């Protein structure tokens, strides 16, 4: 029982820690982007997988004040890197 409680607490903490980065959304064809304009690019390195890379790019986009971003490139194996165009 203690093991499950610890797992729930850790999962909750991780979810809470990642919430601010995901407030910037990854834009797709289904999003209404008519009010957004490209405002630059961000890059990230050292990600362990694609989800981690997207999280790092989202955090950098949020720091730049972006409302959304589109991943333009991603490459690497265990140490991934990529770029994204940010939209404001």
PDB file of N, CA and C in Angstrom:
ATOM      1  N   UNK A   1       0.825  -1.185   0.000  1.00  0.00           N
ATOM      2  CA  UNK A   1       0.000   0.000   0.000  1.00  0.00           C
ATOM      3  C   UNK A   1       0.874   1.256   0.000  1.00  0.00           C
ATOM      4  N   UNK A   2       1.954   1.239   0.783  1.00  0.00           N
ATOM      5  CA  UNK A   2       2.847   2.391   0.857  1.00  0.00           C
ATOM      6  C   UNK A   2       3.503   2.650  -0.502  1.00  0.00           C
ATOM      7  N   UNK A   3       3.810   1.577  -1.217  1.00  0.00           N
ATOM      8  CA  UNK A   3       4.431   1.696  -2.532  1.00  0.00           C
ATOM      9  C   UNK A   3       3.491   2.424  -3.500  1.00  0.00           C
ATOM     10  N   UNK A   4       2.198   2.090  -3.475  1.00  0.00           N
ATOM     11  CA  UNK A   4       1.224   2.738  -4.361  1.00  0.00           C
ATOM     12  C   UNK A   4       1.031   4.202  -3.999  1.00  0.00           C
ATOM     13  N   UNK A   5       1.021   4.522  -2.722  1.00  0.00           N
ATOM     14  CA  UNK A   5       0.879   5.907  -2.285  1.00  0.00           C
ATOM     15  C   UNK A   5       2.075   6.730  -2.748  1.00  0.00           C
ATOM     16  N   UNK A   6       3.266   6.165  -2.621  1.00  0.00           N
ATOM     17  CA  UNK A   6       4.469   6.852  -3.088  1.00  0.00           C
ATOM     18  C   UNK A   6       4.403   7.080  -4.593  1.00  0.00           C
ATOM     19  N   UNK A   7       3.960   6.087  -5.333  1.00  0.00           N
ATOM     20  CA  UNK A   7       3.832   6.207  -6.778  1.00  0.00           C
ATOM     21  C   UNK A   7       2.851   7.318  -7.150  1.00  0.00           C
ATOM     22  N   UNK A   8       1.739   7.404  -6.462  1.00  0.00           N
ATOM     23  CA  UNK A   8       0.734   8.434  -6.739  1.00  0.00           C
ATOM     24  C   UNK A   8       1.294   9.821  -6.425  1.00  0.00           C
ATOM     25  N   UNK A   9       2.003   9.959  -5.334  1.00  0.00           N
ATOM     26  CA  UNK A   9       2.585  11.251  -4.957  1.00  0.00           C
ATOM     27  C   UNK A   9       3.628  11.688  -5.991  1.00  0.00           C
ATOM     28  N   UNK A  10       4.474  10.771  -6.410  1.00  0.00           N
ATOM     29  CA  UNK A  10       5.498  11.095  -7.402  1.00  0.00           C
ATOM     30  C   UNK A  10       4.852  11.464  -8.731  1.00  0.00           C
ATOM     31  N   UNK A  11       3.850  10.719  -9.166  1.00  0.00           N
ATOM     32  CA  UNK A  11       3.163  11.023 -10.424  1.00  0.00           C
ATOM     33  C   UNK A  11       2.497  12.392 -10.363  1.00  0.00           C
ATOM     34  N   UNK A  12       1.885  12.707  -9.246  1.00  0.00           N
ATOM     35  CA  UNK A  12       1.254  14.013  -9.084  1.00  0.00           C
ATOM     36  C   UNK A  12       2.260  15.148  -9.128  1.00  0.00           C
ATOM     37  N   UNK A  13       3.395  14.943  -8.492  1.00  0.00           N
ATOM     38  CA  UNK A  13       4.442  15.967  -8.489  1.00  0.00           C
ATOM     39  C   UNK A  13       4.990  16.197  -9.897  1.00  0.00           C
ATOM     40  N   UNK A  14       5.207  15.134 -10.631  1.00  0.00           N
ATOM     41  CA  UNK A  14       5.693  15.271 -12.007  1.00  0.00           C
ATOM     42  C   UNK A  14       4.675  15.966 -12.891  1.00  0.00           C
ATOM     43  N   UNK A  15       3.419  15.640 -12.731  1.00  0.00           N
ATOM     44  CA  UNK A  15       2.368  16.288 -13.522  1.00  0.00           C
ATOM     45  C   UNK A  15       2.296  17.773 -13.203  1.00  0.00           C
ATOM     46  N   UNK A  16       2.391  18.127 -11.951  1.00  0.00           N
ATOM     47  CA  UNK A  16       2.330  19.536 -11.549  1.00  0.00           C
ATOM     48  C   UNK A  16       3.548  20.298 -12.055  1.00  0.00           C
ATOM     49  N   UNK A  17       4.699  19.667 -12.055  1.00  0.00           N
ATOM     50  CA  UNK A  17       5.922  20.334 -12.502  1.00  0.00           C
ATOM     51  C   UNK A  17       5.910  20.589 -13.997  1.00  0.00           C
ATOM     52  N   UNK A  18       5.247  19.749 -14.769  1.00  0.00           N
ATOM     53  CA  UNK A  18       5.259  19.912 -16.219  1.00  0.00           C
ATOM     54  C   UNK A  18       4.122  20.773 -16.723  1.00  0.00           C
ATOM     55  N   UNK A  19       3.148  21.134 -15.876  1.00  0.00           N
ATOM     56  CA  UNK A  19       1.989  21.902 -16.342  1.00  0.00           C
ATOM     57  C   UNK A  19       2.354  23.233 -16.975  1.00  0.00           C
ATOM     58  N   UNK A  20       3.232  24.071 -16.399  1.00  0.00           N
ATOM     59  CA  UNK A  20       3.515  25.367 -17.000  1.00  0.00           C
ATOM     60  C   UNK A  20       4.083  25.269 -18.415  1.00  0.00           C
ATOM     61  N   UNK A  21       4.901  24.285 -18.681  1.00  0.00           N
ATOM     62  CA  UNK A  21       5.476  24.155 -20.018  1.00  0.00           C
ATOM     63  C   UNK A  21       4.432  23.797 -21.046  1.00  0.00           C
ATOM     64  N   UNK A  22       3.422  23.027 -20.663  1.00  0.00           N
ATOM     65  CA  UNK A  22       2.410  22.609 -21.625  1.00  0.00           C
ATOM     66  C   UNK A  22       1.318  23.648 -21.832  1.00  0.00           C
ATOM     67  N   UNK A  23       1.385  24.787 -21.111  1.00  0.00           N
ATOM     68  CA  UNK A  23       0.410  25.828 -21.341  1.00  0.00           C
ATOM     69  C   UNK A  23       0.635  26.457 -22.722  1.00  0.00           C
ATOM     70  N   UNK A  24       1.821  26.270 -23.286  1.00  0.00           N
ATOM     71  CA  UNK A  24       2.096  26.642 -24.664  1.00  0.00           C
ATOM     72  C   UNK A  24       1.786  25.405 -25.494  1.00  0.00           C
ATOM     73  N   UNK A  25       0.898  25.524 -26.470  1.00  0.00           N
ATOM     74  CA  UNK A  25       0.488  24.324 -27.185  1.00  0.00           C
ATOM     75  C   UNK A  25       1.256  24.102 -28.478  1.00  0.00           C
ATOM     76  N   UNK A  26       1.459  22.847 -28.777  1.00  0.00           N
ATOM     77  CA  UNK A  26       2.043  22.448 -30.044  1.00  0.00           C
ATOM     78  C   UNK A  26       0.961  22.621 -31.100  1.00  0.00           C
ATOM     79  N   UNK A  27       1.241  23.396 -32.134  1.00  0.00           N
ATOM     80  CA  UNK A  27       0.239  23.710 -33.142  1.00  0.00           C
ATOM     81  C   UNK A  27       0.191  22.637 -34.224  1.00  0.00           C
ATOM     82  N   UNK A  28      -1.003  22.328 -34.680  1.00  0.00           N
ATOM     83  CA  UNK A  28      -1.208  21.368 -35.763  1.00  0.00           C
ATOM     84  C   UNK A  28      -2.190  21.957 -36.765  1.00  0.00           C
ATOM     85  N   UNK A  29      -2.486  21.239 -37.815  1.00  0.00           N
ATOM     86  CA  UNK A  29      -3.418  21.705 -38.836  1.00  0.00           C
ATOM     87  C   UNK A  29      -4.822  21.917 -38.273  1.00  0.00           C
ATOM     88  N   UNK A  30      -5.173  21.231 -37.192  1.00  0.00           N
ATOM     89  CA  UNK A  30      -6.509  21.361 -36.615  1.00  0.00           C
ATOM     90  C   UNK A  30      -6.673  22.626 -35.777  1.00  0.00           C
ATOM     91  N   UNK A  31      -5.555  23.254 -35.367  1.00  0.00           N
ATOM     92  CA  UNK A  31      -5.622  24.460 -34.550  1.00  0.00           C
ATOM     93  C   UNK A  31      -5.980  25.671 -35.408  1.00  0.00           C
ATOM     94  N   UNK A  32      -6.746  26.604 -34.832  1.00  0.00           N
ATOM     95  CA  UNK A  32      -7.022  27.870 -35.499  1.00  0.00           C
ATOM     96  C   UNK A  32      -5.851  28.799 -35.228  1.00  0.00           C
ATOM     97  N   UNK A  33      -4.993  28.962 -36.217  1.00  0.00           N
ATOM     98  CA  UNK A  33      -3.800  29.785 -36.056  1.00  0.00           C
ATOM     99  C   UNK A  33      -3.913  31.102 -36.807  1.00  0.00           C
ATOM    100  N   UNK A  34      -5.114  31.473 -37.230  1.00  0.00           N
ATOM    101  CA  UNK A  34      -5.285  32.676 -38.040  1.00  0.00           C
ATOM    102  C   UNK A  34      -4.866  33.941 -37.298  1.00  0.00           C
ATOM    103  N   UNK A  35      -4.928  33.946 -35.980  1.00  0.00           N
ATOM    104  CA  UNK A  35      -4.554  35.126 -35.195  1.00  0.00           C
ATOM    105  C   UNK A  35      -3.083  35.118 -34.781  1.00  0.00           C
ATOM    106  N   UNK A  36      -2.351  34.057 -35.091  1.00  0.00           N
ATOM    107  CA  UNK A  36      -0.958  33.933 -34.667  1.00  0.00           C
ATOM    108  C   UNK A  36      -0.006  34.202 -35.823  1.00  0.00           C
ATOM    109  N   UNK A  37       1.132  34.769 -35.488  1.00  0.00           N
ATOM    110  CA  UNK A  37       2.172  35.054 -36.469  1.00  0.00           C
ATOM    111  C   UNK A  37       3.496  34.479 -35.988  1.00  0.00           C
ATOM    112  N   UNK A  38       4.353  33.993 -36.931  1.00  0.00           N
ATOM    113  CA  UNK A  38       5.667  33.489 -36.529  1.00  0.00           C
ATOM    114  C   UNK A  38       6.461  34.592 -35.828  1.00  0.00           C
ATOM    115  N   UNK A  39       7.154  34.219 -34.757  1.00  0.00           N
ATOM    116  CA  UNK A  39       7.881  35.219 -33.973  1.00  0.00           C
ATOM    117  C   UNK A  39       9.305  34.782 -33.656  1.00  0.00           C
ATOM    118  N   UNK A  40       9.832  33.812 -34.367  1.00  0.00           N
ATOM    119  CA  UNK A  40      11.201  33.367 -34.127  1.00  0.00           C
ATOM    120  C   UNK A  40      11.295  31.866 -33.972  1.00  0.00           C
ATOM    121  N   UNK A  41      12.453  31.426 -33.510  1.00  0.00           N
ATOM    122  CA  UNK A  41      12.690  29.997 -33.316  1.00  0.00           C
ATOM    123  C   UNK A  41      13.317  29.752 -31.955  1.00  0.00           C
ATOM    124  N   UNK A  42      13.171  28.534 -31.480  1.00  0.00           N
ATOM    125  CA  UNK A  42      13.841  28.077 -30.267  1.00  0.00           C
ATOM    126  C   UNK A  42      14.483  26.735 -30.581  1.00  0.00           C
ATOM    127  N   UNK A  43      15.490  26.380 -29.803  1.00  0.00           N
ATOM    128  CA  UNK A  43      16.134  25.076 -29.984  1.00  0.00           C
ATOM    129  C   UNK A  43      16.383  24.459 -28.621  1.00  0.00           C
ATOM    130  N   UNK A  44      16.508  23.147 -28.623  1.00  0.00           N
ATOM    131  CA  UNK A  44      16.769  22.408 -27.387  1.00  0.00           C
ATOM    132  C   UNK A  44      17.682  21.238 -27.701  1.00  0.00           C
ATOM    133  N   UNK A  45      18.476  20.856 -26.727  1.00  0.00           N
ATOM    134  CA  UNK A  45      19.389  19.720 -26.875  1.00  0.00           C
ATOM    135  C   UNK A  45      19.337  18.869 -25.618  1.00  0.00           C
ATOM    136  N   UNK A  46      19.871  17.660 -25.727  1.00  0.00           N
ATOM    137  CA  UNK A  46      20.018  16.791 -24.564  1.00  0.00           C
ATOM    138  C   UNK A  46      18.764  16.056 -24.146  1.00  0.00           C
ATOM    139  N   UNK A  47      17.767  15.969 -25.000  1.00  0.00           N
ATOM    140  CA  UNK A  47      16.541  15.254 -24.654  1.00  0.00           C
ATOM    141  C   UNK A  47      16.751  13.755 -24.788  1.00  0.00           C
ATOM    142  N   UNK A  48      16.087  12.995 -23.928  1.00  0.00           N
ATOM    143  CA  UNK A  48      16.225  11.542 -23.936  1.00  0.00           C
ATOM    144  C   UNK A  48      15.329  10.889 -24.988  1.00  0.00           C
ATOM    145  N   UNK A  49      14.189  11.525 -25.312  1.00  0.00           N
ATOM    146  CA  UNK A  49      13.254  10.973 -26.296  1.00  0.00           C
ATOM    147  C   UNK A  49      12.446  12.118 -26.897  1.00  0.00           C
ATOM    148  N   UNK A  50      11.536  11.813 -27.811  1.00  0.00           N
ATOM    149  CA  UNK A  50      10.766  12.855 -28.487  1.00  0.00           C
ATOM    150  C   UNK A  50       9.853  13.626 -27.532  1.00  0.00           C
ATOM    151  N   UNK A  51       9.253  12.947 -26.581  1.00  0.00           N
ATOM    152  CA  UNK A  51       8.394  13.639 -25.609  1.00  0.00           C
ATOM    153  C   UNK A  51       9.207  14.632 -24.788  1.00  0.00           C
ATOM    154  N   UNK A  52      10.381  14.223 -24.365  1.00  0.00           N
ATOM    155  CA  UNK A  52      11.251  15.104 -23.597  1.00  0.00           C
ATOM    156  C   UNK A  52      11.674  16.303 -24.439  1.00  0.00           C
ATOM    157  N   UNK A  53      11.987  16.062 -25.696  1.00  0.00           N
ATOM    158  CA  UNK A  53      12.374  17.142 -26.599  1.00  0.00           C
ATOM    159  C   UNK A  53      11.220  18.128 -26.770  1.00  0.00           C
ATOM    160  N   UNK A  54      10.015  17.626 -26.974  1.00  0.00           N
ATOM    161  CA  UNK A  54       8.859  18.507 -27.131  1.00  0.00           C
ATOM    162  C   UNK A  54       8.625  19.316 -25.854  1.00  0.00           C
ATOM    163  N   UNK A  55       8.813  18.700 -24.709  1.00  0.00           N
ATOM    164  CA  UNK A  55       8.673  19.406 -23.434  1.00  0.00           C
ATOM    165  C   UNK A  55       9.710  20.527 -23.312  1.00  0.00           C
ATOM    166  N   UNK A  56      10.950  20.247 -23.681  1.00  0.00           N
ATOM    167  CA  UNK A  56      12.006  21.259 -23.617  1.00  0.00           C
ATOM    168  C   UNK A  56      11.719  22.408 -24.573  1.00  0.00           C
ATOM    169  N   UNK A  57      11.245  22.093 -25.780  1.00  0.00           N
ATOM    170  CA  UNK A  57      10.900  23.140 -26.738  1.00  0.00           C
ATOM    171  C   UNK A  57       9.716  23.967 -26.249  1.00  0.00           C
ATOM    172  N   UNK A  58       8.729  23.313 -25.644  1.00  0.00           N
ATOM    173  CA  UNK A  58       7.570  24.029 -25.102  1.00  0.00           C
ATOM    174  C   UNK A  58       8.001  24.986 -23.998  1.00  0.00           C
ATOM    175  N   UNK A  59       8.906  24.555 -23.143  1.00  0.00           N
ATOM    176  CA  UNK A  59       9.387  25.409 -22.062  1.00  0.00           C
ATOM    177  C   UNK A  59      10.108  26.631 -22.620  1.00  0.00           C
ATOM    178  N   UNK A  60      10.950  26.432 -23.615  1.00  0.00           N
ATOM    179  CA  UNK A  60      11.664  27.566 -24.217  1.00  0.00           C
ATOM    180  C   UNK A  60      10.692  28.505 -24.919  1.00  0.00           C
ATOM    181  N   UNK A  61       9.676  27.949 -25.588  1.00  0.00           N
ATOM    182  CA  UNK A  61       8.668  28.786 -26.246  1.00  0.00           C
ATOM    183  C   UNK A  61       7.910  29.607 -25.209  1.00  0.00           C
ATOM    184  N   UNK A  62       7.546  28.994 -24.089  1.00  0.00           N
ATOM    185  CA  UNK A  62       6.836  29.705 -23.027  1.00  0.00           C
ATOM    186  C   UNK A  62       7.689  30.848 -22.486  1.00  0.00           C
ATOM    187  N   UNK A  63       8.992  30.598 -22.301  1.00  0.00           N
ATOM    188  CA  UNK A  63       9.898  31.636 -21.812  1.00  0.00           C
ATOM    189  C   UNK A  63       9.954  32.827 -22.763  1.00  0.00           C
ATOM    190  N   UNK A  64       9.758  32.572 -24.056  1.00  0.00           N
ATOM    191  CA  UNK A  64       9.777  33.642 -25.054  1.00  0.00           C
ATOM    192  C   UNK A  64       8.415  34.329 -25.192  1.00  0.00           C
ATOM    193  N   UNK A  65       7.420  33.866 -24.447  1.00  0.00           N
ATOM    194  CA  UNK A  65       6.093  34.478 -24.495  1.00  0.00           C
ATOM    195  C   UNK A  65       5.224  33.982 -25.642  1.00  0.00           C
ATOM    196  N   UNK A  66       5.550  32.827 -26.192  1.00  0.00           N
ATOM    197  CA  UNK A  66       4.799  32.290 -27.323  1.00  0.00           C
ATOM    198  C   UNK A  66       3.458  31.709 -26.877  1.00  0.00           C
ATOM    199  N   UNK A  67       2.497  31.731 -27.790  1.00  0.00           N
ATOM    200  CA  UNK A  67       1.203  31.098 -27.552  1.00  0.00           C
ATOM    201  C   UNK A  67       1.178  29.678 -28.131  1.00  0.00           C
ATOM    202  N   UNK A  68       2.109  29.392 -29.033  1.00  0.00           N
ATOM    203  CA  UNK A  68       2.187  28.069 -29.630  1.00  0.00           C
ATOM    204  C   UNK A  68       3.520  27.874 -30.333  1.00  0.00           C
ATOM    205  N   UNK A  69       3.764  26.644 -30.763  1.00  0.00           N
ATOM    206  CA  UNK A  69       5.003  26.347 -31.471  1.00  0.00           C
ATOM    207  C   UNK A  69       4.788  25.168 -32.409  1.00  0.00           C
ATOM    208  N   UNK A  70       5.645  25.093 -33.434  1.00  0.00           N
ATOM    209  CA  UNK A  70       5.637  23.973 -34.376  1.00  0.00           C
ATOM    210  C   UNK A  70       7.048  23.419 -34.431  1.00  0.00           C
ATOM    211  N   UNK A  71       7.197  22.137 -34.143  1.00  0.00           N
ATOM    212  CA  UNK A  71       8.511  21.500 -34.208  1.00  0.00           C
ATOM    213  C   UNK A  71       8.909  21.394 -35.671  1.00  0.00           C
ATOM    214  N   UNK A  72      10.056  21.954 -35.993  1.00  0.00           N
ATOM    215  CA  UNK A  72      10.544  21.961 -37.378  1.00  0.00           C
ATOM    216  C   UNK A  72      11.537  20.837 -37.634  1.00  0.00           C
ATOM    217  N   UNK A  73      12.348  20.496 -36.624  1.00  0.00           N
ATOM    218  CA  UNK A  73      13.328  19.429 -36.812  1.00  0.00           C
ATOM    219  C   UNK A  73      13.588  18.734 -35.487  1.00  0.00           C
ATOM    220  N   UNK A  74      13.915  17.458 -35.592  1.00  0.00           N
ATOM    221  CA  UNK A  74      14.285  16.648 -34.429  1.00  0.00           C
ATOM    222  C   UNK A  74      15.231  15.563 -34.916  1.00  0.00           C
ATOM    223  N   UNK A  75      16.320  15.367 -34.178  1.00  0.00           N
ATOM    224  CA  UNK A  75      17.289  14.370 -34.593  1.00  0.00           C
ATOM    225  C   UNK A  75      18.061  13.884 -33.366  1.00  0.00           C
ATOM    226  N   UNK A  76      18.723  12.764 -33.541  1.00  0.00           N
ATOM    227  CA  UNK A  76      19.553  12.208 -32.484  1.00  0.00           C
ATOM    228  C   UNK A  76      19.020  10.886 -31.986  1.00  0.00           C
ATOM    229  N   UNK A  77      19.818  10.230 -31.159  1.00  0.00           N
ATOM    230  CA  UNK A  77      19.423   8.953 -30.581  1.00  0.00           C
ATOM    231  C   UNK A  77      19.123   9.146 -29.094  1.00  0.00           C
ATOM    232  N   UNK A  78      20.118   8.987 -28.255  1.00  0.00           N
ATOM    233  CA  UNK A  78      19.914   9.152 -26.815  1.00  0.00           C
ATOM    234  C   UNK A  78      20.030  10.598 -26.362  1.00  0.00           C
ATOM    235  N   UNK A  79      20.635  11.446 -27.160  1.00  0.00           N
ATOM    236  CA  UNK A  79      20.781  12.869 -26.857  1.00  0.00           C
ATOM    237  C   UNK A  79      20.186  13.641 -28.025  1.00  0.00           C
ATOM    238  N   UNK A  80      18.870  13.766 -28.011  1.00  0.00           N
ATOM    239  CA  UNK A  80      18.154  14.384 -29.130  1.00  0.00           C
ATOM    240  C   UNK A  80      18.281  15.906 -29.088  1.00  0.00           C
ATOM    241  N   UNK A  81      18.142  16.502 -30.272  1.00  0.00           N
ATOM    242  CA  UNK A  81      18.132  17.949 -30.395  1.00  0.00           C
ATOM    243  C   UNK A  81      17.096  18.314 -31.434  1.00  0.00           C
ATOM    244  N   UNK A  82      16.593  19.546 -31.367  1.00  0.00           N
ATOM    245  CA  UNK A  82      15.590  19.967 -32.323  1.00  0.00           C
ATOM    246  C   UNK A  82      15.342  21.458 -32.269  1.00  0.00           C
ATOM    247  N   UNK A  83      14.556  21.924 -33.239  1.00  0.00           N
ATOM    248  CA  UNK A  83      14.183  23.332 -33.325  1.00  0.00           C
ATOM    249  C   UNK A  83      12.680  23.437 -33.517  1.00  0.00           C
ATOM    250  N   UNK A  84      12.151  24.588 -33.145  1.00  0.00           N
ATOM    251  CA  UNK A  84      10.717  24.857 -33.320  1.00  0.00           C
ATOM    252  C   UNK A  84      10.514  26.321 -33.655  1.00  0.00           C
ATOM    253  N   UNK A  85       9.525  26.600 -34.492  1.00  0.00           N
ATOM    254  CA  UNK A  85       9.101  27.970 -34.771  1.00  0.00           C
ATOM    255  C   UNK A  85       8.061  28.340 -33.732  1.00  0.00           C
ATOM    256  N   UNK A  86       8.234  29.525 -33.118  1.00  0.00           N
ATOM    257  CA  UNK A  86       7.262  29.953 -32.112  1.00  0.00           C
ATOM    258  C   UNK A  86       6.284  30.954 -32.733  1.00  0.00           C
ATOM    259  N   UNK A  87       5.071  30.984 -32.210  1.00  0.00           N
ATOM    260  CA  UNK A  87       4.010  31.857 -32.701  1.00  0.00           C
ATOM    261  C   UNK A  87       3.457  32.675 -31.559  1.00  0.00           C
ATOM    262  N   UNK A  88       3.235  33.966 -31.850  1.00  0.00           N
ATOM    263  CA  UNK A  88       2.657  34.879 -30.847  1.00  0.00           C
ATOM    264  C   UNK A  88       1.390  35.496 -31.400  1.00  0.00           C
TER     265      UNK A  88
END
